[in-house]
């Protein structure tokens, strides 16, 4: 899998083939509400940073997402690919 780069100039296929590939990779056993849950958490962290929160205060919560995804994996509500995605492995 190609890494997700949220830039249509760098990845013109972001909203097409890249999104489709990642959806297929993480969809094999991942509950839809889990994907929404993690996405919402990421958006909140981004919002905090955009509003001027210090990165040092937000960083532990970013790192905590790894443990939350790993825990969800042990409960078998997320597929292995989403765990790799959050850990930066493709």
N, C-alpha and C. Protein backbone atom coordinates (compact mmCIF):
# COMPACT_ATOMS: atom_id res chain seq x y z
N UNK A 1 0.84 -1.19 0.00
CA UNK A 1 0.00 0.00 0.00
C UNK A 1 0.87 1.24 0.00
N UNK A 2 0.43 2.20 -0.78
CA UNK A 2 1.10 3.50 -0.74
C UNK A 2 0.66 4.24 0.51
N UNK A 3 1.59 4.98 1.12
CA UNK A 3 1.17 5.77 2.29
C UNK A 3 0.19 6.86 1.89
N UNK A 4 -0.63 7.26 2.83
CA UNK A 4 -1.59 8.32 2.57
C UNK A 4 -0.90 9.66 2.76
N UNK A 5 -0.92 10.45 1.70
CA UNK A 5 -0.40 11.82 1.74
C UNK A 5 -1.60 12.71 1.44
N UNK A 6 -2.02 13.49 2.42
CA UNK A 6 -3.22 14.31 2.25
C UNK A 6 -2.93 15.56 1.45
N UNK A 7 -2.54 15.34 0.21
CA UNK A 7 -2.19 16.43 -0.70
C UNK A 7 -2.48 15.95 -2.11
N UNK A 8 -3.48 16.56 -2.74
CA UNK A 8 -3.87 16.14 -4.08
C UNK A 8 -2.81 16.45 -5.14
N UNK A 9 -1.92 17.38 -4.87
CA UNK A 9 -0.84 17.66 -5.81
C UNK A 9 0.17 16.52 -5.77
N UNK A 10 0.55 16.09 -4.57
CA UNK A 10 1.52 15.01 -4.42
C UNK A 10 0.90 13.66 -4.76
N UNK A 11 -0.37 13.49 -4.48
CA UNK A 11 -1.07 12.24 -4.75
C UNK A 11 -2.39 12.54 -5.46
N UNK A 12 -2.34 12.70 -6.79
CA UNK A 12 -3.57 13.02 -7.52
C UNK A 12 -4.64 11.92 -7.44
N UNK A 13 -4.26 10.73 -7.03
CA UNK A 13 -5.21 9.62 -6.91
C UNK A 13 -5.73 9.46 -5.48
N UNK A 14 -5.49 10.45 -4.63
CA UNK A 14 -5.87 10.38 -3.23
C UNK A 14 -7.34 10.00 -3.04
N UNK A 15 -8.22 10.66 -3.75
CA UNK A 15 -9.65 10.43 -3.57
C UNK A 15 -10.18 9.32 -4.47
N UNK A 16 -9.28 8.63 -5.15
CA UNK A 16 -9.69 7.57 -6.06
C UNK A 16 -8.99 6.26 -5.68
N UNK A 17 -7.88 5.97 -6.31
CA UNK A 17 -7.20 4.69 -6.10
C UNK A 17 -6.59 4.56 -4.71
N UNK A 18 -6.00 5.62 -4.18
CA UNK A 18 -5.39 5.54 -2.85
C UNK A 18 -6.45 5.23 -1.81
N UNK A 19 -7.55 5.97 -1.84
CA UNK A 19 -8.64 5.74 -0.88
C UNK A 19 -9.23 4.35 -1.05
N UNK A 20 -9.41 3.92 -2.29
CA UNK A 20 -9.97 2.60 -2.56
C UNK A 20 -9.05 1.50 -2.01
N UNK A 21 -7.77 1.63 -2.25
CA UNK A 21 -6.82 0.64 -1.78
C UNK A 21 -6.81 0.52 -0.26
N UNK A 22 -6.80 1.66 0.42
CA UNK A 22 -6.81 1.62 1.89
C UNK A 22 -8.14 1.11 2.41
N UNK A 23 -9.23 1.45 1.77
CA UNK A 23 -10.54 0.95 2.21
C UNK A 23 -10.59 -0.56 2.11
N UNK A 24 -10.04 -1.11 1.02
CA UNK A 24 -10.02 -2.56 0.86
C UNK A 24 -9.09 -3.20 1.89
N UNK A 25 -7.96 -2.56 2.16
CA UNK A 25 -6.98 -3.12 3.10
C UNK A 25 -7.51 -3.16 4.53
N UNK A 26 -8.20 -2.12 4.96
CA UNK A 26 -8.64 -2.07 6.36
C UNK A 26 -10.05 -2.58 6.55
N UNK A 27 -10.75 -2.84 5.46
CA UNK A 27 -12.16 -3.21 5.58
C UNK A 27 -12.43 -4.65 5.90
N UNK A 28 -11.43 -5.53 5.84
CA UNK A 28 -11.64 -6.96 5.96
C UNK A 28 -12.14 -7.46 7.30
N UNK A 29 -12.20 -6.68 8.30
CA UNK A 29 -12.68 -7.14 9.59
C UNK A 29 -12.84 -5.97 10.54
N UNK A 30 -12.69 -4.79 10.00
CA UNK A 30 -12.78 -3.59 10.82
C UNK A 30 -14.22 -3.12 10.87
N UNK A 31 -14.72 -2.93 12.06
CA UNK A 31 -16.08 -2.42 12.23
C UNK A 31 -16.11 -0.96 11.79
N UNK A 32 -17.15 -0.58 11.07
CA UNK A 32 -17.25 0.78 10.55
C UNK A 32 -17.20 1.83 11.65
N UNK A 33 -17.84 1.54 12.77
CA UNK A 33 -17.83 2.54 13.84
C UNK A 33 -16.43 2.71 14.43
N UNK A 34 -15.58 1.69 14.34
CA UNK A 34 -14.21 1.83 14.82
C UNK A 34 -13.42 2.79 13.94
N UNK A 35 -13.60 2.68 12.63
CA UNK A 35 -12.92 3.59 11.71
C UNK A 35 -13.37 5.02 11.99
N UNK A 36 -14.67 5.22 12.14
CA UNK A 36 -15.20 6.56 12.45
C UNK A 36 -14.65 7.06 13.79
N UNK A 37 -14.58 6.18 14.77
CA UNK A 37 -14.08 6.55 16.09
C UNK A 37 -12.63 7.05 16.01
N UNK A 38 -11.77 6.31 15.35
CA UNK A 38 -10.38 6.72 15.24
C UNK A 38 -10.23 7.98 14.39
N UNK A 39 -11.02 8.07 13.34
CA UNK A 39 -10.98 9.27 12.50
C UNK A 39 -11.42 10.50 13.30
N UNK A 40 -12.48 10.37 14.08
CA UNK A 40 -12.94 11.48 14.91
C UNK A 40 -11.87 11.90 15.92
N UNK A 41 -11.18 10.93 16.49
CA UNK A 41 -10.11 11.25 17.44
C UNK A 41 -8.98 12.03 16.75
N UNK A 42 -8.63 11.58 15.54
CA UNK A 42 -7.59 12.29 14.79
C UNK A 42 -8.02 13.71 14.45
N UNK A 43 -9.27 13.88 14.05
CA UNK A 43 -9.76 15.22 13.73
C UNK A 43 -9.73 16.13 14.95
N UNK A 44 -10.08 15.59 16.12
CA UNK A 44 -10.04 16.40 17.33
C UNK A 44 -8.62 16.84 17.66
N UNK A 45 -7.67 15.94 17.51
CA UNK A 45 -6.28 16.29 17.77
C UNK A 45 -5.79 17.35 16.79
N UNK A 46 -6.17 17.20 15.52
CA UNK A 46 -5.81 18.20 14.52
C UNK A 46 -6.44 19.55 14.86
N UNK A 47 -7.70 19.53 15.29
CA UNK A 47 -8.40 20.75 15.67
C UNK A 47 -7.66 21.43 16.82
N UNK A 48 -7.26 20.64 17.82
CA UNK A 48 -6.53 21.20 18.96
C UNK A 48 -5.25 21.89 18.50
N UNK A 49 -4.52 21.23 17.60
CA UNK A 49 -3.28 21.82 17.10
C UNK A 49 -3.56 23.09 16.28
N UNK A 50 -4.60 23.03 15.46
CA UNK A 50 -4.96 24.20 14.64
C UNK A 50 -5.37 25.39 15.49
N UNK A 51 -5.93 25.12 16.66
CA UNK A 51 -6.36 26.20 17.56
C UNK A 51 -5.23 26.70 18.45
N UNK A 52 -4.03 26.19 18.25
CA UNK A 52 -2.87 26.72 18.97
C UNK A 52 -2.39 25.91 20.15
N UNK A 53 -3.00 24.75 20.37
CA UNK A 53 -2.53 23.91 21.47
C UNK A 53 -1.08 23.49 21.19
N UNK A 54 -0.28 23.46 22.24
CA UNK A 54 1.13 23.08 22.08
C UNK A 54 1.22 21.62 21.65
N UNK A 55 2.13 21.36 20.69
CA UNK A 55 2.30 20.00 20.20
C UNK A 55 2.67 19.05 21.33
N UNK A 56 3.49 19.51 22.25
CA UNK A 56 3.91 18.67 23.37
C UNK A 56 2.75 18.18 24.22
N UNK A 57 1.68 18.96 24.28
CA UNK A 57 0.50 18.55 25.05
C UNK A 57 -0.39 17.59 24.26
N UNK A 58 -0.36 17.68 22.94
CA UNK A 58 -1.19 16.84 22.09
C UNK A 58 -0.49 15.51 21.77
N UNK A 59 0.83 15.54 21.70
CA UNK A 59 1.61 14.37 21.28
C UNK A 59 1.29 13.10 22.08
N UNK A 60 1.17 13.14 23.39
CA UNK A 60 0.85 11.90 24.12
C UNK A 60 -0.48 11.28 23.67
N UNK A 61 -1.44 12.11 23.30
CA UNK A 61 -2.72 11.60 22.84
C UNK A 61 -2.61 10.99 21.44
N UNK A 62 -1.71 11.55 20.63
CA UNK A 62 -1.44 10.95 19.32
C UNK A 62 -0.84 9.56 19.53
N UNK A 63 0.15 9.47 20.41
CA UNK A 63 0.78 8.18 20.68
C UNK A 63 -0.21 7.19 21.30
N UNK A 64 -1.15 7.69 22.09
CA UNK A 64 -2.13 6.82 22.73
C UNK A 64 -3.02 6.12 21.71
N UNK A 65 -3.18 6.73 20.54
CA UNK A 65 -3.99 6.09 19.51
C UNK A 65 -3.42 4.73 19.13
N UNK A 66 -2.08 4.58 19.15
CA UNK A 66 -1.48 3.28 18.86
C UNK A 66 -1.98 2.21 19.82
N UNK A 67 -2.01 2.53 21.10
CA UNK A 67 -2.47 1.54 22.08
C UNK A 67 -3.96 1.28 21.94
N UNK A 68 -4.73 2.30 21.61
CA UNK A 68 -6.16 2.11 21.42
C UNK A 68 -6.45 1.21 20.22
N UNK A 69 -5.69 1.40 19.13
CA UNK A 69 -5.86 0.55 17.95
C UNK A 69 -5.40 -0.87 18.27
N UNK A 70 -4.30 -1.01 18.98
CA UNK A 70 -3.81 -2.35 19.35
C UNK A 70 -4.84 -3.07 20.23
N UNK A 71 -5.43 -2.35 21.17
CA UNK A 71 -6.45 -2.95 22.02
C UNK A 71 -7.66 -3.37 21.19
N UNK A 72 -8.08 -2.51 20.26
CA UNK A 72 -9.20 -2.86 19.39
C UNK A 72 -8.87 -4.09 18.55
N UNK A 73 -7.61 -4.24 18.18
CA UNK A 73 -7.19 -5.41 17.41
C UNK A 73 -7.32 -6.67 18.26
N UNK A 74 -6.95 -6.60 19.52
CA UNK A 74 -7.08 -7.79 20.38
C UNK A 74 -8.54 -8.17 20.58
N UNK A 75 -9.42 -7.20 20.49
CA UNK A 75 -10.86 -7.47 20.60
C UNK A 75 -11.46 -7.90 19.27
N UNK A 76 -10.61 -7.89 18.22
CA UNK A 76 -10.99 -8.31 16.87
C UNK A 76 -12.07 -7.42 16.26
N UNK A 77 -11.99 -6.12 16.56
CA UNK A 77 -12.93 -5.18 15.94
C UNK A 77 -12.22 -4.32 14.89
N UNK A 78 -10.91 -4.49 14.75
CA UNK A 78 -10.18 -3.85 13.66
C UNK A 78 -9.30 -4.90 12.98
N UNK A 79 -9.06 -4.69 11.72
CA UNK A 79 -8.25 -5.58 10.91
C UNK A 79 -6.78 -5.23 11.10
N UNK A 80 -5.90 -6.18 10.87
CA UNK A 80 -4.46 -5.99 11.06
C UNK A 80 -3.92 -4.80 10.25
N UNK A 81 -4.46 -4.55 9.07
CA UNK A 81 -3.96 -3.46 8.22
C UNK A 81 -4.15 -2.10 8.88
N UNK A 82 -5.22 -1.91 9.63
CA UNK A 82 -5.41 -0.60 10.27
C UNK A 82 -4.40 -0.41 11.39
N UNK A 83 -4.02 -1.50 12.05
CA UNK A 83 -2.97 -1.42 13.06
C UNK A 83 -1.66 -1.01 12.40
N UNK A 84 -1.32 -1.59 11.27
CA UNK A 84 -0.13 -1.21 10.52
C UNK A 84 -0.18 0.23 10.05
N UNK A 85 -1.37 0.67 9.64
CA UNK A 85 -1.55 2.05 9.20
C UNK A 85 -1.21 3.02 10.31
N UNK A 86 -1.71 2.77 11.51
CA UNK A 86 -1.45 3.67 12.62
C UNK A 86 -0.02 3.60 13.09
N UNK A 87 0.63 2.48 12.87
CA UNK A 87 2.03 2.35 13.28
C UNK A 87 3.00 2.75 12.17
N UNK A 88 2.45 3.19 11.04
CA UNK A 88 3.30 3.69 9.95
C UNK A 88 3.87 2.61 9.07
N UNK A 89 3.29 1.41 9.11
CA UNK A 89 3.74 0.33 8.24
C UNK A 89 2.72 0.14 7.14
N UNK A 90 3.22 -0.09 5.96
CA UNK A 90 2.32 -0.30 4.81
C UNK A 90 2.36 -1.72 4.34
